[in-house]
């Protein structure tokens, strides 16, 4: 009976929306068509693209809030110091050695190599619409990250283990670069896969690698928590923007040239 009532009431719930859409279409057909396209769940450039852009905008708001906290100083610095001290018991010789190895997955040399290899594979498989957005993600992330570093000029935490860094602290370039490079490579691999299970495992592996690189920067005491968080947000913003660009470019390709589900 409950199902029947909900089913019967659903047309009444849709009717005001349909009426509003009809009035908007009569007043401005172009605007009504644009809005309908933006909220179409059946195409990647419809509702999925709208949600991705909304997530990117929210990421910017989070970043502004974080920057404000860091600039104001006291509360953010107190939290950073507390987290740094809480990690002290983990800094044994063996753990530090392991995380010094892990942190190398986020350095410029490793990320550049991954990006170049990914570019070669995408070119070989004629995935040209992926290459430009991937490099936009990487270059945009690096520009914002290094602009932030020298714009804020924040000092790093005290070096407590055998690990040093020479650039300013905020935001973390390892965290930002890892999010951008590994995130887009994971997306490029997963996008054509038909199996949700395969996609899940791929993204779980990506999140694990990025998370470990980000954590390594705090455990090695070369970055504060807020540095790492800012780096992840910068990388995430450019990742979302680049995915949106990729989907837009793919939709502009002729139907026969678009990658199909299950094609790598």
Protein backbone atom coordinates (compact mmCIF):
# COMPACT_ATOMS: atom_id res chain seq x y z
CA UNK A 1 0.00 0.00 0.00
CA UNK A 2 2.82 2.42 0.82
CA UNK A 3 4.39 1.75 -2.55
CA UNK A 4 1.07 2.42 -4.21
CA UNK A 5 0.65 5.75 -2.47
CA UNK A 6 4.17 6.86 -3.36
CA UNK A 7 3.69 5.77 -6.95
CA UNK A 8 0.40 7.58 -7.18
CA UNK A 9 1.80 10.75 -5.65
CA UNK A 10 4.91 10.90 -7.83
CA UNK A 11 3.09 12.47 -10.81
CA UNK A 12 1.77 15.16 -8.44
CA UNK A 13 5.34 15.81 -7.30
CA UNK A 14 6.59 16.09 -10.88
CA UNK A 15 3.75 18.28 -12.13
CA UNK A 16 4.98 21.60 -10.60
CA UNK A 17 8.45 20.98 -12.03
CA UNK A 18 7.01 20.27 -15.47
CA UNK A 19 4.83 23.38 -15.28
CA UNK A 20 7.81 25.54 -14.29
CA UNK A 21 9.84 24.06 -17.12
CA UNK A 22 7.02 24.76 -19.56
CA UNK A 23 6.77 28.39 -18.48
CA UNK A 24 10.55 28.80 -18.74
CA UNK A 25 10.56 27.20 -22.20
CA UNK A 26 7.85 29.60 -23.35
CA UNK A 27 9.78 32.58 -21.98
CA UNK A 28 13.29 31.50 -23.07
CA UNK A 29 13.58 28.27 -25.08
CA UNK A 30 17.37 28.53 -25.23
CA UNK A 31 17.77 28.85 -21.44
CA UNK A 32 15.29 26.02 -20.84
CA UNK A 33 17.19 23.78 -23.26
CA UNK A 34 20.51 24.64 -21.62
CA UNK A 35 19.20 23.83 -18.14
CA UNK A 36 17.66 20.59 -19.35
CA UNK A 37 20.98 19.57 -20.88
CA UNK A 38 22.87 20.42 -17.68
CA UNK A 39 20.64 18.12 -15.61
CA UNK A 40 20.34 15.25 -18.08
CA UNK A 41 21.57 12.16 -16.18
CA UNK A 42 21.95 10.05 -19.33
CA UNK A 43 24.99 11.85 -20.79
CA UNK A 44 28.36 12.59 -19.21
CA UNK A 45 28.13 16.29 -20.07
CA UNK A 46 24.74 16.57 -18.37
CA UNK A 47 24.15 15.96 -14.67
CA UNK A 48 27.54 14.23 -14.07
CA UNK A 49 29.40 17.25 -15.44
CA UNK A 50 27.22 19.62 -13.40
CA UNK A 51 27.98 17.69 -10.22
CA UNK A 52 31.71 17.66 -10.98
CA UNK A 53 31.74 21.43 -11.48
CA UNK A 54 29.78 21.89 -8.25
CA UNK A 55 32.34 19.72 -6.44
CA UNK A 56 35.18 21.80 -7.92
CA UNK A 57 33.50 25.00 -6.71
CA UNK A 58 33.08 23.51 -3.24
CA UNK A 59 36.76 22.54 -3.25
CA UNK A 60 37.65 26.20 -3.88
CA UNK A 61 35.52 27.26 -0.92
CA UNK A 62 37.24 24.71 1.31
CA UNK A 63 40.62 25.97 0.12
CA UNK A 64 39.74 29.58 0.92
CA UNK A 65 38.61 28.56 4.41
CA UNK A 66 41.85 26.64 4.96
CA UNK A 67 43.99 29.54 3.74
CA UNK A 68 42.15 31.88 6.09
CA UNK A 69 42.82 29.56 9.03
CA UNK A 70 46.50 29.30 8.16
CA UNK A 71 46.90 33.06 7.69
CA UNK A 72 45.21 33.78 11.02
CA UNK A 73 47.77 31.41 12.46
CA UNK A 74 47.09 30.46 16.04
CA UNK A 75 44.42 27.74 15.90
CA UNK A 76 45.75 26.13 12.71
CA UNK A 77 49.31 26.17 14.02
CA UNK A 78 48.23 24.66 17.33
CA UNK A 79 46.48 21.82 15.52
CA UNK A 80 49.47 21.29 13.23
CA UNK A 81 51.84 21.11 16.20
CA UNK A 82 49.54 18.68 18.01
CA UNK A 83 49.38 16.33 15.03
CA UNK A 84 53.14 16.54 14.54
CA UNK A 85 53.75 15.64 18.17
CA UNK A 86 51.18 12.81 18.03
CA UNK A 87 53.15 11.19 15.21
CA UNK A 88 56.39 11.18 17.23
CA UNK A 89 55.97 7.62 18.62
CA UNK A 90 55.72 6.27 15.06
CA UNK A 91 59.05 7.68 13.96
CA UNK A 92 61.18 4.61 14.52
CA UNK A 93 64.10 3.94 12.18
CA UNK A 94 62.23 1.21 10.29
CA UNK A 95 59.03 3.23 9.86
CA UNK A 96 60.95 6.29 8.72
CA UNK A 97 62.86 4.17 6.19
CA UNK A 98 59.60 2.76 4.79
CA UNK A 99 57.95 6.16 4.50
CA UNK A 100 61.04 7.71 2.95
CA UNK A 101 60.56 5.15 0.19
CA UNK A 102 56.82 5.87 -0.06
CA UNK A 103 57.29 9.64 -0.23
CA UNK A 104 59.41 9.22 -3.37
CA UNK A 105 56.21 8.31 -5.24
CA UNK A 106 55.23 11.97 -4.88
CA UNK A 107 58.44 13.67 -5.97
CA UNK A 108 58.72 15.55 -9.26
CA UNK A 109 60.90 12.94 -10.98
CA UNK A 110 58.52 10.07 -10.29
CA UNK A 111 55.39 12.03 -11.16
CA UNK A 112 56.96 13.30 -14.39
CA UNK A 113 57.88 9.75 -15.38
CA UNK A 114 54.36 8.50 -14.65
CA UNK A 115 52.84 11.35 -16.65
CA UNK A 116 55.13 10.74 -19.64
CA UNK A 117 54.46 6.99 -19.66
CA UNK A 118 50.72 7.64 -19.38
CA UNK A 119 50.94 10.09 -22.28
CA UNK A 120 52.65 7.46 -24.41
CA UNK A 121 49.98 4.86 -23.65
CA UNK A 122 47.14 7.29 -24.31
CA UNK A 123 48.72 8.32 -27.62
CA UNK A 124 49.28 4.69 -28.63
CA UNK A 125 45.62 3.90 -27.93
CA UNK A 126 44.47 7.07 -29.72
CA UNK A 127 42.99 8.49 -26.54
CA UNK A 128 43.93 12.01 -27.66
CA UNK A 129 41.10 13.68 -25.76
CA UNK A 130 42.68 12.51 -22.49
CA UNK A 131 46.17 13.90 -23.06
CA UNK A 132 45.44 17.64 -23.00
CA UNK A 133 43.25 17.50 -19.86
CA UNK A 134 45.85 15.36 -18.07
CA UNK A 135 48.58 17.92 -18.69
CA UNK A 136 46.23 20.76 -17.77
CA UNK A 137 45.68 18.96 -14.46
CA UNK A 138 49.42 18.59 -13.88
CA UNK A 139 50.52 22.07 -14.97
CA UNK A 140 47.61 23.82 -13.22
CA UNK A 141 48.37 21.98 -10.00
CA UNK A 142 52.06 22.85 -10.14
CA UNK A 143 51.45 26.52 -10.89
CA UNK A 144 49.01 26.98 -8.00
CA UNK A 145 51.12 24.92 -5.62
CA UNK A 146 54.40 26.71 -6.22
CA UNK A 147 52.66 30.08 -6.41
CA UNK A 148 51.18 29.33 -3.00
CA UNK A 149 54.50 28.19 -1.57
CA UNK A 150 56.33 31.39 -2.41
CA UNK A 151 53.27 33.57 -1.97
CA UNK A 152 52.73 32.51 1.64
CA UNK A 153 56.36 31.66 2.43
CA UNK A 154 55.41 29.46 5.37
CA UNK A 155 58.24 27.85 7.29
CA UNK A 156 58.37 24.08 7.53
CA UNK A 157 58.16 22.17 10.79
CA UNK A 158 61.36 21.25 12.59
CA UNK A 159 63.10 18.39 10.79
CA UNK A 160 62.95 15.56 13.31
CA UNK A 161 64.24 12.69 11.16
CA UNK A 162 66.74 12.23 8.36
CA UNK A 163 64.59 14.04 5.80
CA UNK A 164 64.87 17.63 4.65
CA UNK A 165 63.17 19.96 2.16
CA UNK A 166 64.20 23.39 0.94
CA UNK A 167 61.09 25.07 -0.48
CA UNK A 168 58.42 26.80 1.62
CA UNK A 169 55.86 24.56 3.29
CA UNK A 170 52.34 25.59 2.22
CA UNK A 171 50.90 23.77 0.30
CA UNK A 172 52.50 20.34 -0.03
CA UNK A 173 53.72 19.76 -3.60
CA UNK A 174 54.00 15.98 -3.05
CA UNK A 175 50.36 15.78 -1.97
CA UNK A 176 49.09 18.04 -4.75
CA UNK A 177 51.10 16.36 -7.48
CA UNK A 178 50.13 12.86 -6.36
CA UNK A 179 46.45 13.75 -6.35
CA UNK A 180 46.70 15.28 -9.82
CA UNK A 181 48.83 12.67 -11.57
CA UNK A 182 47.66 9.43 -9.97
CA UNK A 183 44.09 10.69 -9.85
CA UNK A 184 43.90 11.46 -13.55
CA UNK A 185 45.76 8.30 -14.57
CA UNK A 186 43.33 6.24 -12.50
CA UNK A 187 40.40 8.06 -14.09
CA UNK A 188 41.81 7.55 -17.61
CA UNK A 189 42.20 3.83 -16.99
CA UNK A 190 38.87 3.40 -15.23
CA UNK A 191 36.67 5.50 -17.52
CA UNK A 192 36.35 2.92 -20.32
CA UNK A 193 36.07 -0.07 -17.96
CA UNK A 194 32.65 -1.70 -17.93
CA UNK A 195 33.07 -3.46 -14.58
CA UNK A 196 32.20 -1.38 -11.48
CA UNK A 197 34.30 -3.80 -9.42
CA UNK A 198 37.39 -3.10 -11.50
CA UNK A 199 36.75 0.64 -11.22
CA UNK A 200 36.35 0.38 -7.46
CA UNK A 201 39.61 -1.53 -7.03
CA UNK A 202 41.45 0.93 -9.25
CA UNK A 203 40.22 3.99 -7.37
CA UNK A 204 40.82 2.29 -4.01
CA UNK A 205 44.42 1.70 -5.05
CA UNK A 206 44.76 5.32 -6.20
CA UNK A 207 43.35 6.67 -2.93
CA UNK A 208 45.73 4.41 -0.99
CA UNK A 209 48.81 5.63 -2.88
CA UNK A 210 47.85 9.30 -2.62
CA UNK A 211 46.93 8.91 1.04
CA UNK A 212 50.22 7.21 1.89
CA UNK A 213 52.25 9.87 0.08
CA UNK A 214 50.35 12.63 1.89
CA UNK A 215 50.76 10.90 5.27
CA UNK A 216 54.47 10.35 4.63
CA UNK A 217 55.00 14.11 4.46
CA UNK A 218 53.62 14.53 7.98
CA UNK A 219 55.31 11.47 9.44
CA UNK A 220 58.68 12.61 8.09
CA UNK A 221 58.00 16.05 9.65
CA UNK A 222 58.56 17.97 6.43
CA UNK A 223 54.97 19.25 6.27
CA UNK A 224 52.17 20.20 8.61
CA UNK A 225 48.68 18.72 8.39
CA UNK A 226 47.32 21.93 6.86
CA UNK A 227 50.05 21.87 4.19
CA UNK A 228 49.01 18.38 3.17
CA UNK A 229 45.30 19.21 3.22
CA UNK A 230 45.89 22.27 1.04
CA UNK A 231 47.93 20.23 -1.43
CA UNK A 232 45.21 17.60 -1.72
CA UNK A 233 42.58 20.29 -2.31
CA UNK A 234 44.66 21.96 -5.03
CA UNK A 235 45.23 18.65 -6.79
CA UNK A 236 41.58 17.67 -6.42
CA UNK A 237 40.34 20.95 -7.90
CA UNK A 238 42.46 20.60 -11.02
CA UNK A 239 41.57 16.92 -11.28
CA UNK A 240 37.85 17.71 -11.30
CA UNK A 241 38.28 20.54 -13.81
CA UNK A 242 40.37 18.34 -16.10
CA UNK A 243 37.86 15.50 -15.97
CA UNK A 244 35.14 17.96 -16.95
CA UNK A 245 37.24 19.16 -19.87
CA UNK A 246 37.91 15.59 -20.96
CA UNK A 247 34.22 14.69 -20.96
CA UNK A 248 33.38 17.84 -22.93
CA UNK A 249 36.06 17.08 -25.51
CA UNK A 250 34.92 13.47 -25.91
CA UNK A 251 31.33 14.57 -26.52
CA UNK A 252 32.56 16.84 -29.32
CA UNK A 253 34.18 13.89 -31.14
CA UNK A 254 32.27 12.12 -33.93
CA UNK A 255 30.20 9.25 -32.53
CA UNK A 256 32.43 6.63 -34.12
CA UNK A 257 35.59 8.12 -32.62
CA UNK A 258 34.39 8.14 -28.99
CA UNK A 259 35.82 5.49 -26.64
CA UNK A 260 33.26 2.82 -25.77
CA UNK A 261 32.62 1.06 -22.47
CA UNK A 262 34.99 -1.86 -22.13
CA UNK A 263 37.59 -0.37 -24.50
CA UNK A 264 41.00 0.51 -23.12
